[in-house]
């Protein structure tokens, strides 16, 4: 064998050795085939394979992957809802059967993504179609849970699972947004009017209560004042009567006519009218007949007081 043949043999040996080694990156699993049939999976790191016969068919990432999508759905009351979402998914695990499903269920990655996105959109549309437009905005978590419940079994058959679905933006058509804004504005006005009415009712109620309490307190004070005034007048009359009775007894003991007391009271009354009148017109019968009549009345009053307070 000549030098050229030896070189060819060395090159073939070296090429065979090089083709026998395969490096698989971390987070990735390689699938090999022999004559087009699945052979085995290769884990991350340096792996050996049969040169020229065993080929690396595909390298599959087992890391989390994300995808953004936008689509539209229609509510039960015929309102168009626009969704902007972020899809987070990954391979279920690195088991051989799971990796085989991931590698061979779809022709390529593009077809898988198309099926995944359409499945998510269909699940969201089916859920939204049973809800009213006013309910959609508060059902983000319910939508995600409904989508995962419907897709988990299907994605498992493909070797994937849905980690999360983030509904980043939910909007309605411009006309619907305007109508919703009007509804919110009218509800706010209604609430403001109700609050104002309640405040006015409370204010007037408190004012009525205060006025009622004032009237009650004033009436009680007037009652107490009248009672005290009556008691004062009664005490005054009692004291006057006692004084007159005492003076009458003293005059009787001195053998004097008690009518002098009444005459003195008459003259004192006339004097008081003149001093305290302050320009007012007071009509008084100052004749002898008038004085006698007044004195008779006062003597009769004195007799009544004596009868009501007899000597013991």
C-alpha atoms as a PDB file:
ATOM      1  CA  UNK A   1       0.000   0.000   0.000  1.00  0.00           C
ATOM      2  CA  UNK A   2       1.395   3.327  -1.029  1.00  0.00           C
ATOM      3  CA  UNK A   3       1.533   6.556   0.937  1.00  0.00           C
ATOM      4  CA  UNK A   4      -1.634   7.880  -0.694  1.00  0.00           C
ATOM      5  CA  UNK A   5      -3.653   4.850   0.382  1.00  0.00           C
ATOM      6  CA  UNK A   6      -2.350   5.193   3.896  1.00  0.00           C
ATOM      7  CA  UNK A   7      -3.372   8.834   4.023  1.00  0.00           C
ATOM      8  CA  UNK A   8      -6.865   7.963   2.796  1.00  0.00           C
ATOM      9  CA  UNK A   9      -7.215   5.303   5.455  1.00  0.00           C
ATOM     10  CA  UNK A  10      -6.087   7.725   8.174  1.00  0.00           C
ATOM     11  CA  UNK A  11      -8.534  10.365   6.970  1.00  0.00           C
ATOM     12  CA  UNK A  12     -11.415   7.850   7.010  1.00  0.00           C
ATOM     13  CA  UNK A  13     -10.499   6.696  10.494  1.00  0.00           C
ATOM     14  CA  UNK A  14     -10.269  10.265  11.741  1.00  0.00           C
ATOM     15  CA  UNK A  15     -13.599  11.163  10.097  1.00  0.00           C
ATOM     16  CA  UNK A  16     -15.223   8.079  11.606  1.00  0.00           C
ATOM     17  CA  UNK A  17     -13.991   9.055  15.045  1.00  0.00           C
ATOM     18  CA  UNK A  18     -15.233  12.620  14.630  1.00  0.00           C
ATOM     19  CA  UNK A  19     -18.641  11.488  13.408  1.00  0.00           C
ATOM     20  CA  UNK A  20     -18.935   9.171  16.398  1.00  0.00           C
ATOM     21  CA  UNK A  21     -19.181  12.061  18.866  1.00  0.00           C
ATOM     22  CA  UNK A  22     -22.199  14.348  19.344  1.00  0.00           C
ATOM     23  CA  UNK A  23     -22.382  17.290  21.738  1.00  0.00           C
ATOM     24  CA  UNK A  24     -25.831  18.132  23.143  1.00  0.00           C
ATOM     25  CA  UNK A  25     -26.303  21.539  24.816  1.00  0.00           C
ATOM     26  CA  UNK A  26     -27.753  21.933  28.303  1.00  0.00           C
ATOM     27  CA  UNK A  27     -31.543  22.264  28.213  1.00  0.00           C
ATOM     28  CA  UNK A  28     -31.710  20.310  24.971  1.00  0.00           C
ATOM     29  CA  UNK A  29     -32.326  16.654  24.107  1.00  0.00           C
ATOM     30  CA  UNK A  30     -31.310  15.124  20.751  1.00  0.00           C
ATOM     31  CA  UNK A  31     -33.178  12.379  18.893  1.00  0.00           C
ATOM     32  CA  UNK A  32     -31.331   9.940  16.638  1.00  0.00           C
ATOM     33  CA  UNK A  33     -32.643   7.709  13.870  1.00  0.00           C
ATOM     34  CA  UNK A  34     -31.194   4.742  12.015  1.00  0.00           C
ATOM     35  CA  UNK A  35     -32.331   4.544   8.431  1.00  0.00           C
ATOM     36  CA  UNK A  36     -35.177   6.957   9.266  1.00  0.00           C
ATOM     37  CA  UNK A  37     -36.471   4.997  12.289  1.00  0.00           C
ATOM     38  CA  UNK A  38     -36.324   6.299  15.844  1.00  0.00           C
ATOM     39  CA  UNK A  39     -33.267   4.956  17.639  1.00  0.00           C
ATOM     40  CA  UNK A  40     -32.709   6.716  20.967  1.00  0.00           C
ATOM     41  CA  UNK A  41     -32.415  10.067  22.742  1.00  0.00           C
ATOM     42  CA  UNK A  42     -29.161  11.762  23.667  1.00  0.00           C
ATOM     43  CA  UNK A  43     -28.862  13.694  26.928  1.00  0.00           C
ATOM     44  CA  UNK A  44     -26.898  16.965  27.381  1.00  0.00           C
ATOM     45  CA  UNK A  45     -23.145  16.552  27.167  1.00  0.00           C
ATOM     46  CA  UNK A  46     -20.816  14.455  24.953  1.00  0.00           C
ATOM     47  CA  UNK A  47     -22.492  11.401  23.424  1.00  0.00           C
ATOM     48  CA  UNK A  48     -21.375   8.555  21.113  1.00  0.00           C
ATOM     49  CA  UNK A  49     -23.322   7.428  18.066  1.00  0.00           C
ATOM     50  CA  UNK A  50     -22.831   5.007  15.222  1.00  0.00           C
ATOM     51  CA  UNK A  51     -21.116   6.967  12.438  1.00  0.00           C
ATOM     52  CA  UNK A  52     -22.645   7.130   8.965  1.00  0.00           C
ATOM     53  CA  UNK A  53     -25.684   5.100  10.087  1.00  0.00           C
ATOM     54  CA  UNK A  54     -27.105   6.817  13.148  1.00  0.00           C
ATOM     55  CA  UNK A  55     -28.139  10.410  12.474  1.00  0.00           C
ATOM     56  CA  UNK A  56     -29.340  13.234  14.726  1.00  0.00           C
ATOM     57  CA  UNK A  57     -32.910  13.777  13.555  1.00  0.00           C
ATOM     58  CA  UNK A  58     -33.850  16.746  15.760  1.00  0.00           C
ATOM     59  CA  UNK A  59     -32.741  18.636  18.842  1.00  0.00           C
ATOM     60  CA  UNK A  60     -35.568  19.574  21.181  1.00  0.00           C
ATOM     61  CA  UNK A  61     -35.415  22.286  23.839  1.00  0.00           C
ATOM     62  CA  UNK A  62     -36.940  21.326  27.185  1.00  0.00           C
ATOM     63  CA  UNK A  63     -36.775  24.916  28.464  1.00  0.00           C
ATOM     64  CA  UNK A  64     -39.823  27.145  28.948  1.00  0.00           C
ATOM     65  CA  UNK A  65     -40.955  28.926  25.796  1.00  0.00           C
ATOM     66  CA  UNK A  66     -43.266  31.893  25.311  1.00  0.00           C
ATOM     67  CA  UNK A  67     -45.305  33.286  22.482  1.00  0.00           C
ATOM     68  CA  UNK A  68     -47.412  36.435  22.089  1.00  0.00           C
ATOM     69  CA  UNK A  69     -50.723  36.285  20.304  1.00  0.00           C
ATOM     70  CA  UNK A  70     -53.679  38.548  19.567  1.00  0.00           C
ATOM     71  CA  UNK A  71     -57.195  37.504  18.635  1.00  0.00           C
ATOM     72  CA  UNK A  72     -60.847  38.513  18.886  1.00  0.00           C
ATOM     73  CA  UNK A  73     -63.857  36.907  20.542  1.00  0.00           C
ATOM     74  CA  UNK A  74     -67.586  37.671  20.655  1.00  0.00           C
ATOM     75  CA  UNK A  75     -69.666  37.734  23.851  1.00  0.00           C
ATOM     76  CA  UNK A  76     -73.171  36.364  24.227  1.00  0.00           C
ATOM     77  CA  UNK A  77     -74.565  39.899  23.805  1.00  0.00           C
ATOM     78  CA  UNK A  78     -72.661  40.324  20.498  1.00  0.00           C
ATOM     79  CA  UNK A  79     -69.818  42.542  21.732  1.00  0.00           C
ATOM     80  CA  UNK A  80     -66.406  42.152  20.090  1.00  0.00           C
ATOM     81  CA  UNK A  81     -63.583  41.638  22.593  1.00  0.00           C
ATOM     82  CA  UNK A  82     -59.927  42.029  21.564  1.00  0.00           C
ATOM     83  CA  UNK A  83     -57.365  39.950  23.474  1.00  0.00           C
ATOM     84  CA  UNK A  84     -53.605  40.371  23.685  1.00  0.00           C
ATOM     85  CA  UNK A  85     -52.059  37.392  25.441  1.00  0.00           C
ATOM     86  CA  UNK A  86     -48.733  35.842  26.352  1.00  0.00           C
ATOM     87  CA  UNK A  87     -48.515  32.058  26.165  1.00  0.00           C
ATOM     88  CA  UNK A  88     -45.993  30.205  28.347  1.00  0.00           C
ATOM     89  CA  UNK A  89     -45.474  26.490  27.651  1.00  0.00           C
ATOM     90  CA  UNK A  90     -42.816  23.786  27.764  1.00  0.00           C
ATOM     91  CA  UNK A  91     -42.138  20.086  27.199  1.00  0.00           C
ATOM     92  CA  UNK A  92     -43.709  18.043  29.989  1.00  0.00           C
ATOM     93  CA  UNK A  93     -40.538  16.112  30.861  1.00  0.00           C
ATOM     94  CA  UNK A  94     -37.503  14.478  29.298  1.00  0.00           C
ATOM     95  CA  UNK A  95     -38.888  10.942  29.224  1.00  0.00           C
ATOM     96  CA  UNK A  96     -38.322   9.009  25.986  1.00  0.00           C
ATOM     97  CA  UNK A  97     -42.024   8.694  25.164  1.00  0.00           C
ATOM     98  CA  UNK A  98     -42.617  12.401  25.745  1.00  0.00           C
ATOM     99  CA  UNK A  99     -39.670  13.369  23.537  1.00  0.00           C
ATOM    100  CA  UNK A 100     -40.901  11.035  20.792  1.00  0.00           C
ATOM    101  CA  UNK A 101     -44.322  12.773  20.854  1.00  0.00           C
ATOM    102  CA  UNK A 102     -42.687  16.184  20.659  1.00  0.00           C
ATOM    103  CA  UNK A 103     -40.457  15.092  17.755  1.00  0.00           C
ATOM    104  CA  UNK A 104     -42.911  13.195  15.593  1.00  0.00           C
ATOM    105  CA  UNK A 105     -46.458  14.557  16.260  1.00  0.00           C
ATOM    106  CA  UNK A 106     -45.967  17.579  13.974  1.00  0.00           C
ATOM    107  CA  UNK A 107     -44.064  18.063  10.762  1.00  0.00           C
ATOM    108  CA  UNK A 108     -42.196  21.057  12.155  1.00  0.00           C
ATOM    109  CA  UNK A 109     -42.254  23.732  14.851  1.00  0.00           C
ATOM    110  CA  UNK A 110     -44.352  26.071  12.730  1.00  0.00           C
ATOM    111  CA  UNK A 111     -47.214  23.583  12.477  1.00  0.00           C
ATOM    112  CA  UNK A 112     -47.097  22.918  16.203  1.00  0.00           C
ATOM    113  CA  UNK A 113     -47.275  26.648  17.029  1.00  0.00           C
ATOM    114  CA  UNK A 114     -50.180  27.100  14.660  1.00  0.00           C
ATOM    115  CA  UNK A 115     -52.110  24.262  16.321  1.00  0.00           C
ATOM    116  CA  UNK A 116     -51.281  25.549  19.811  1.00  0.00           C
ATOM    117  CA  UNK A 117     -52.321  29.139  19.105  1.00  0.00           C
ATOM    118  CA  UNK A 118     -55.534  28.125  17.377  1.00  0.00           C
ATOM    119  CA  UNK A 119     -56.412  25.786  20.243  1.00  0.00           C
ATOM    120  CA  UNK A 120     -55.923  28.566  22.806  1.00  0.00           C
ATOM    121  CA  UNK A 121     -57.954  31.019  20.727  1.00  0.00           C
ATOM    122  CA  UNK A 122     -60.756  28.485  20.291  1.00  0.00           C
ATOM    123  CA  UNK A 123     -60.931  27.776  24.022  1.00  0.00           C
ATOM    124  CA  UNK A 124     -61.032  31.495  24.888  1.00  0.00           C
ATOM    125  CA  UNK A 125     -63.718  32.180  22.268  1.00  0.00           C
ATOM    126  CA  UNK A 126     -65.837  29.275  23.532  1.00  0.00           C
ATOM    127  CA  UNK A 127     -65.642  30.608  27.091  1.00  0.00           C
ATOM    128  CA  UNK A 128     -66.299  34.264  26.182  1.00  0.00           C
ATOM    129  CA  UNK A 129     -69.279  33.283  24.005  1.00  0.00           C
ATOM    130  CA  UNK A 130     -71.163  32.270  27.165  1.00  0.00           C
ATOM    131  CA  UNK A 131     -70.506  35.552  29.023  1.00  0.00           C
ATOM    132  CA  UNK A 132     -71.782  39.117  28.775  1.00  0.00           C
ATOM    133  CA  UNK A 133     -69.470  42.015  27.952  1.00  0.00           C
ATOM    134  CA  UNK A 134     -69.785  43.385  31.487  1.00  0.00           C
ATOM    135  CA  UNK A 135     -68.477  40.090  32.913  1.00  0.00           C
ATOM    136  CA  UNK A 136     -65.431  39.578  30.707  1.00  0.00           C
ATOM    137  CA  UNK A 137     -63.149  42.130  32.370  1.00  0.00           C
ATOM    138  CA  UNK A 138     -63.469  40.507  35.799  1.00  0.00           C
ATOM    139  CA  UNK A 139     -63.027  36.926  34.559  1.00  0.00           C
ATOM    140  CA  UNK A 140     -59.334  36.911  33.572  1.00  0.00           C
ATOM    141  CA  UNK A 141     -58.417  34.116  35.960  1.00  0.00           C
ATOM    142  CA  UNK A 142     -61.535  32.119  35.083  1.00  0.00           C
ATOM    143  CA  UNK A 143     -60.663  32.334  31.386  1.00  0.00           C
ATOM    144  CA  UNK A 144     -57.134  31.059  32.014  1.00  0.00           C
ATOM    145  CA  UNK A 145     -58.376  28.185  34.156  1.00  0.00           C
ATOM    146  CA  UNK A 146     -60.979  27.221  31.550  1.00  0.00           C
ATOM    147  CA  UNK A 147     -58.362  27.218  28.767  1.00  0.00           C
ATOM    148  CA  UNK A 148     -55.917  25.108  30.767  1.00  0.00           C
ATOM    149  CA  UNK A 149     -58.633  22.631  31.713  1.00  0.00           C
ATOM    150  CA  UNK A 150     -59.628  22.146  28.080  1.00  0.00           C
ATOM    151  CA  UNK A 151     -56.098  22.017  26.624  1.00  0.00           C
ATOM    152  CA  UNK A 152     -54.089  20.097  29.218  1.00  0.00           C
ATOM    153  CA  UNK A 153     -55.113  16.663  27.948  1.00  0.00           C
ATOM    154  CA  UNK A 154     -54.584  17.582  24.284  1.00  0.00           C
ATOM    155  CA  UNK A 155     -51.184  19.176  24.922  1.00  0.00           C
ATOM    156  CA  UNK A 156     -50.120  16.162  26.963  1.00  0.00           C
ATOM    157  CA  UNK A 157     -50.644  13.974  23.905  1.00  0.00           C
ATOM    158  CA  UNK A 158     -48.322  16.316  22.023  1.00  0.00           C
ATOM    159  CA  UNK A 159     -45.712  16.143  24.777  1.00  0.00           C
ATOM    160  CA  UNK A 160     -46.281  19.711  26.048  1.00  0.00           C
ATOM    161  CA  UNK A 161     -48.158  21.402  28.852  1.00  0.00           C
ATOM    162  CA  UNK A 162     -49.485  24.951  29.228  1.00  0.00           C
ATOM    163  CA  UNK A 163     -47.731  26.682  32.126  1.00  0.00           C
ATOM    164  CA  UNK A 164     -49.596  29.972  32.025  1.00  0.00           C
ATOM    165  CA  UNK A 165     -51.740  32.209  29.867  1.00  0.00           C
ATOM    166  CA  UNK A 166     -51.393  35.906  30.638  1.00  0.00           C
ATOM    167  CA  UNK A 167     -54.217  38.054  29.265  1.00  0.00           C
ATOM    168  CA  UNK A 168     -52.267  41.295  29.083  1.00  0.00           C
ATOM    169  CA  UNK A 169     -54.966  43.426  27.477  1.00  0.00           C
ATOM    170  CA  UNK A 170     -58.720  43.077  27.046  1.00  0.00           C
ATOM    171  CA  UNK A 171     -60.412  45.781  24.988  1.00  0.00           C
ATOM    172  CA  UNK A 172     -63.730  46.288  23.242  1.00  0.00           C
ATOM    173  CA  UNK A 173     -64.674  48.015  20.018  1.00  0.00           C
ATOM    174  CA  UNK A 174     -64.680  51.812  20.196  1.00  0.00           C
ATOM    175  CA  UNK A 175     -68.473  52.031  20.115  1.00  0.00           C
ATOM    176  CA  UNK A 176     -68.794  49.519  22.935  1.00  0.00           C
ATOM    177  CA  UNK A 177     -66.154  51.387  24.953  1.00  0.00           C
ATOM    178  CA  UNK A 178     -68.110  54.639  24.546  1.00  0.00           C
ATOM    179  CA  UNK A 179     -71.344  52.998  25.654  1.00  0.00           C
ATOM    180  CA  UNK A 180     -69.607  51.411  28.647  1.00  0.00           C
ATOM    181  CA  UNK A 181     -68.132  54.791  29.567  1.00  0.00           C
ATOM    182  CA  UNK A 182     -71.633  56.300  29.453  1.00  0.00           C
ATOM    183  CA  UNK A 183     -72.967  53.535  31.679  1.00  0.00           C
ATOM    184  CA  UNK A 184     -70.158  54.093  34.187  1.00  0.00           C
ATOM    185  CA  UNK A 185     -70.723  57.857  34.090  1.00  0.00           C
ATOM    186  CA  UNK A 186     -74.478  57.478  34.617  1.00  0.00           C
ATOM    187  CA  UNK A 187     -73.904  55.045  37.498  1.00  0.00           C
ATOM    188  CA  UNK A 188     -71.485  57.525  39.073  1.00  0.00           C
ATOM    189  CA  UNK A 189     -74.040  60.324  38.725  1.00  0.00           C
ATOM    190  CA  UNK A 190     -76.705  58.088  40.222  1.00  0.00           C
ATOM    191  CA  UNK A 191     -74.449  57.213  43.156  1.00  0.00           C
ATOM    192  CA  UNK A 192     -73.560  60.879  43.635  1.00  0.00           C
ATOM    193  CA  UNK A 193     -77.257  61.845  43.618  1.00  0.00           C
ATOM    194  CA  UNK A 194     -78.081  59.097  46.103  1.00  0.00           C
ATOM    195  CA  UNK A 195     -75.219  60.183  48.367  1.00  0.00           C
ATOM    196  CA  UNK A 196     -76.304  63.811  48.114  1.00  0.00           C
ATOM    197  CA  UNK A 197     -79.884  62.845  48.931  1.00  0.00           C
ATOM    198  CA  UNK A 198     -78.761  60.818  51.909  1.00  0.00           C
ATOM    199  CA  UNK A 199     -76.610  63.709  53.128  1.00  0.00           C
ATOM    200  CA  UNK A 200     -79.519  66.151  52.725  1.00  0.00           C
ATOM    201  CA  UNK A 201     -81.845  63.753  54.535  1.00  0.00           C
ATOM    202  CA  UNK A 202     -79.387  63.383  57.403  1.00  0.00           C
ATOM    203  CA  UNK A 203     -78.889  67.162  57.592  1.00  0.00           C
ATOM    204  CA  UNK A 204     -82.622  67.878  57.662  1.00  0.00           C
ATOM    205  CA  UNK A 205     -83.264  65.059  60.111  1.00  0.00           C
ATOM    206  CA  UNK A 206     -80.608  66.386  62.462  1.00  0.00           C
ATOM    207  CA  UNK A 207     -81.995  69.916  62.083  1.00  0.00           C
ATOM    208  CA  UNK A 208     -85.519  68.686  62.869  1.00  0.00           C
ATOM    209  CA  UNK A 209     -84.231  66.762  65.861  1.00  0.00           C
ATOM    210  CA  UNK A 210     -82.353  69.833  67.082  1.00  0.00           C
ATOM    211  CA  UNK A 211     -85.420  72.019  66.604  1.00  0.00           C
ATOM    212  CA  UNK A 212     -87.583  69.471  68.409  1.00  0.00           C
ATOM    213  CA  UNK A 213     -85.105  69.268  71.266  1.00  0.00           C
ATOM    214  CA  UNK A 214     -84.978  73.073  71.425  1.00  0.00           C
ATOM    215  CA  UNK A 215     -88.769  73.304  71.576  1.00  0.00           C
ATOM    216  CA  UNK A 216     -88.854  70.573  74.198  1.00  0.00           C
ATOM    217  CA  UNK A 217     -86.182  72.250  76.313  1.00  0.00           C
ATOM    218  CA  UNK A 218     -87.852  75.670  75.901  1.00  0.00           C
ATOM    219  CA  UNK A 219     -91.237  74.265  76.913  1.00  0.00           C
ATOM    220  CA  UNK A 220     -89.693  72.541  79.923  1.00  0.00           C
ATOM    221  CA  UNK A 221     -87.902  75.748  80.893  1.00  0.00           C
ATOM    222  CA  UNK A 222     -91.106  77.752  80.476  1.00  0.00           C
ATOM    223  CA  UNK A 223     -92.972  75.180  82.527  1.00  0.00           C
ATOM    224  CA  UNK A 224     -90.330  75.285  85.263  1.00  0.00           C
ATOM    225  CA  UNK A 225     -90.338  79.117  85.193  1.00  0.00           C
ATOM    226  CA  UNK A 226     -94.130  79.275  85.406  1.00  0.00           C
ATOM    227  CA  UNK A 227     -94.070  76.784  88.237  1.00  0.00           C
ATOM    228  CA  UNK A 228     -91.433  78.761  90.106  1.00  0.00           C
ATOM    229  CA  UNK A 229     -93.287  82.010  89.406  1.00  0.00           C
ATOM    230  CA  UNK A 230     -96.529  80.524  90.738  1.00  0.00           C
ATOM    231  CA  UNK A 231     -94.744  79.208  93.812  1.00  0.00           C
ATOM    232  CA  UNK A 232     -93.200  82.659  94.341  1.00  0.00           C
ATOM    233  CA  UNK A 233     -96.561  84.389  94.034  1.00  0.00           C
ATOM    234  CA  UNK A 234     -98.135  81.869  96.389  1.00  0.00           C
ATOM    235  CA  UNK A 235     -95.364  82.383  98.947  1.00  0.00           C
ATOM    236  CA  UNK A 236     -95.702  86.167  98.569  1.00  0.00           C
ATOM    237  CA  UNK A 237     -99.423  85.983  99.188  1.00  0.00           C
ATOM    238  CA  UNK A 238     -98.899  83.709 102.154  1.00  0.00           C
ATOM    239  CA  UNK A 239     -96.387  86.115 103.669  1.00  0.00           C
ATOM    240  CA  UNK A 240     -98.687  89.111 103.018  1.00  0.00           C
ATOM    241  CA  UNK A 241    -101.569  87.266 104.589  1.00  0.00           C
ATOM    242  CA  UNK A 242     -99.466  86.337 107.618  1.00  0.00           C
ATOM    243  CA  UNK A 243     -98.302  89.934 107.980  1.00  0.00           C
ATOM    244  CA  UNK A 244    -101.814  91.312 107.716  1.00  0.00           C
ATOM    245  CA  UNK A 245    -103.137  88.735 110.163  1.00  0.00           C
ATOM    246  CA  UNK A 246    -100.354  89.542 112.643  1.00  0.00           C
ATOM    247  CA  UNK A 247    -100.969  93.293 112.331  1.00  0.00           C
ATOM    248  CA  UNK A 248    -104.730  92.799 112.846  1.00  0.00           C
ATOM    249  CA  UNK A 249    -104.139  90.756 116.000  1.00  0.00           C
ATOM    250  CA  UNK A 250    -101.819  93.393 117.407  1.00  0.00           C
ATOM    251  CA  UNK A 251    -104.366  96.153 116.735  1.00  0.00           C
ATOM    252  CA  UNK A 252    -107.110  94.081 118.336  1.00  0.00           C
ATOM    253  CA  UNK A 253    -104.907  93.543 121.357  1.00  0.00           C
ATOM    254  CA  UNK A 254    -104.416  97.344 121.491  1.00  0.00           C
ATOM    255  CA  UNK A 255    -108.204  97.931 121.088  1.00  0.00           C
ATOM    256  CA  UNK A 256    -107.683  99.610 117.702  1.00  0.00           C
ATOM    257  CA  UNK A 257    -109.840  99.237 114.608  1.00  0.00           C
ATOM    258  CA  UNK A 258    -108.222  96.834 112.167  1.00  0.00           C
ATOM    259  CA  UNK A 259    -109.680  98.802 109.258  1.00  0.00           C
ATOM    260  CA  UNK A 260    -106.807 101.258 109.747  1.00  0.00           C
ATOM    261  CA  UNK A 261    -104.589  98.630 108.228  1.00  0.00           C
ATOM    262  CA  UNK A 262    -106.737  98.487 105.116  1.00  0.00           C
ATOM    263  CA  UNK A 263    -106.807 102.268 104.912  1.00  0.00           C
ATOM    264  CA  UNK A 264    -103.044 102.355 105.182  1.00  0.00           C
ATOM    265  CA  UNK A 265    -102.757  99.742 102.402  1.00  0.00           C
ATOM    266  CA  UNK A 266    -105.094 101.823 100.245  1.00  0.00           C
ATOM    267  CA  UNK A 267    -103.060 104.964 100.651  1.00  0.00           C
ATOM    268  CA  UNK A 268     -99.821 103.085 100.018  1.00  0.00           C
ATOM    269  CA  UNK A 269    -101.326 101.637  96.837  1.00  0.00           C
ATOM    270  CA  UNK A 270    -102.358 105.102  95.592  1.00  0.00           C
ATOM    271  CA  UNK A 271     -98.903 106.420  96.428  1.00  0.00           C
ATOM    272  CA  UNK A 272     -97.232 103.509  94.580  1.00  0.00           C
ATOM    273  CA  UNK A 273     -99.434 104.094  91.509  1.00  0.00           C
ATOM    274  CA  UNK A 274     -98.326 107.716  91.413  1.00  0.00           C
ATOM    275  CA  UNK A 275     -94.617 106.909  91.841  1.00  0.00           C
ATOM    276  CA  UNK A 276     -94.318 103.853  89.623  1.00  0.00           C
ATOM    277  CA  UNK A 277     -96.774 104.771  86.885  1.00  0.00           C
ATOM    278  CA  UNK A 278     -94.023 106.225  84.656  1.00  0.00           C
ATOM    279  CA  UNK A 279     -96.441 108.217  82.565  1.00  0.00           C
ATOM    280  CA  UNK A 280     -98.892 105.364  82.031  1.00  0.00           C
ATOM    281  CA  UNK A 281    -102.575 106.117  82.366  1.00  0.00           C
ATOM    282  CA  UNK A 282    -104.105 104.244  85.286  1.00  0.00           C
ATOM    283  CA  UNK A 283    -107.817 104.575  86.019  1.00  0.00           C
ATOM    284  CA  UNK A 284    -108.526 104.405  89.762  1.00  0.00           C
ATOM    285  CA  UNK A 285    -111.753 105.168  91.585  1.00  0.00           C
ATOM    286  CA  UNK A 286    -110.415 107.540  94.279  1.00  0.00           C
ATOM    287  CA  UNK A 287    -113.818 108.576  95.626  1.00  0.00           C
ATOM    288  CA  UNK A 288    -114.959 107.779  99.152  1.00  0.00           C
ATOM    289  CA  UNK A 289    -117.411 105.247  97.812  1.00  0.00           C
ATOM    290  CA  UNK A 290    -114.648 103.610  95.796  1.00  0.00           C
ATOM    291  CA  UNK A 291    -112.338 103.492  98.785  1.00  0.00           C
ATOM    292  CA  UNK A 292    -115.107 102.024 100.953  1.00  0.00           C
ATOM    293  CA  UNK A 293    -115.875  99.405  98.350  1.00  0.00           C
ATOM    294  CA  UNK A 294    -112.198  98.487  98.013  1.00  0.00           C
ATOM    295  CA  UNK A 295    -111.746  98.367 101.773  1.00  0.00           C
ATOM    296  CA  UNK A 296    -114.814  96.123 102.119  1.00  0.00           C
ATOM    297  CA  UNK A 297    -113.332  93.758  99.567  1.00  0.00           C
ATOM    298  CA  UNK A 298    -109.994  93.750 101.359  1.00  0.00           C
ATOM    299  CA  UNK A 299    -111.694  93.182 104.727  1.00  0.00           C
ATOM    300  CA  UNK A 300    -113.569  90.280 103.250  1.00  0.00           C
ATOM    301  CA  UNK A 301    -110.255  88.886 101.986  1.00  0.00           C
ATOM    302  CA  UNK A 302    -108.786  89.376 105.451  1.00  0.00           C
ATOM    303  CA  UNK A 303    -111.720  87.513 106.978  1.00  0.00           C
ATOM    304  CA  UNK A 304    -111.132  84.645 104.595  1.00  0.00           C
ATOM    305  CA  UNK A 305    -107.458  84.525 105.588  1.00  0.00           C
ATOM    306  CA  UNK A 306    -108.410  84.511 109.272  1.00  0.00           C
ATOM    307  CA  UNK A 307    -110.851  81.669 108.729  1.00  0.00           C
ATOM    308  CA  UNK A 308    -108.235  79.699 106.845  1.00  0.00           C
ATOM    309  CA  UNK A 309    -105.662  80.309 109.635  1.00  0.00           C
ATOM    310  CA  UNK A 310    -107.632  80.140 112.962  1.00  0.00           C
ATOM    311  CA  UNK A 311    -105.896  80.621 116.271  1.00  0.00           C
ATOM    312  CA  UNK A 312    -104.817  77.527 118.003  1.00  0.00           C
END
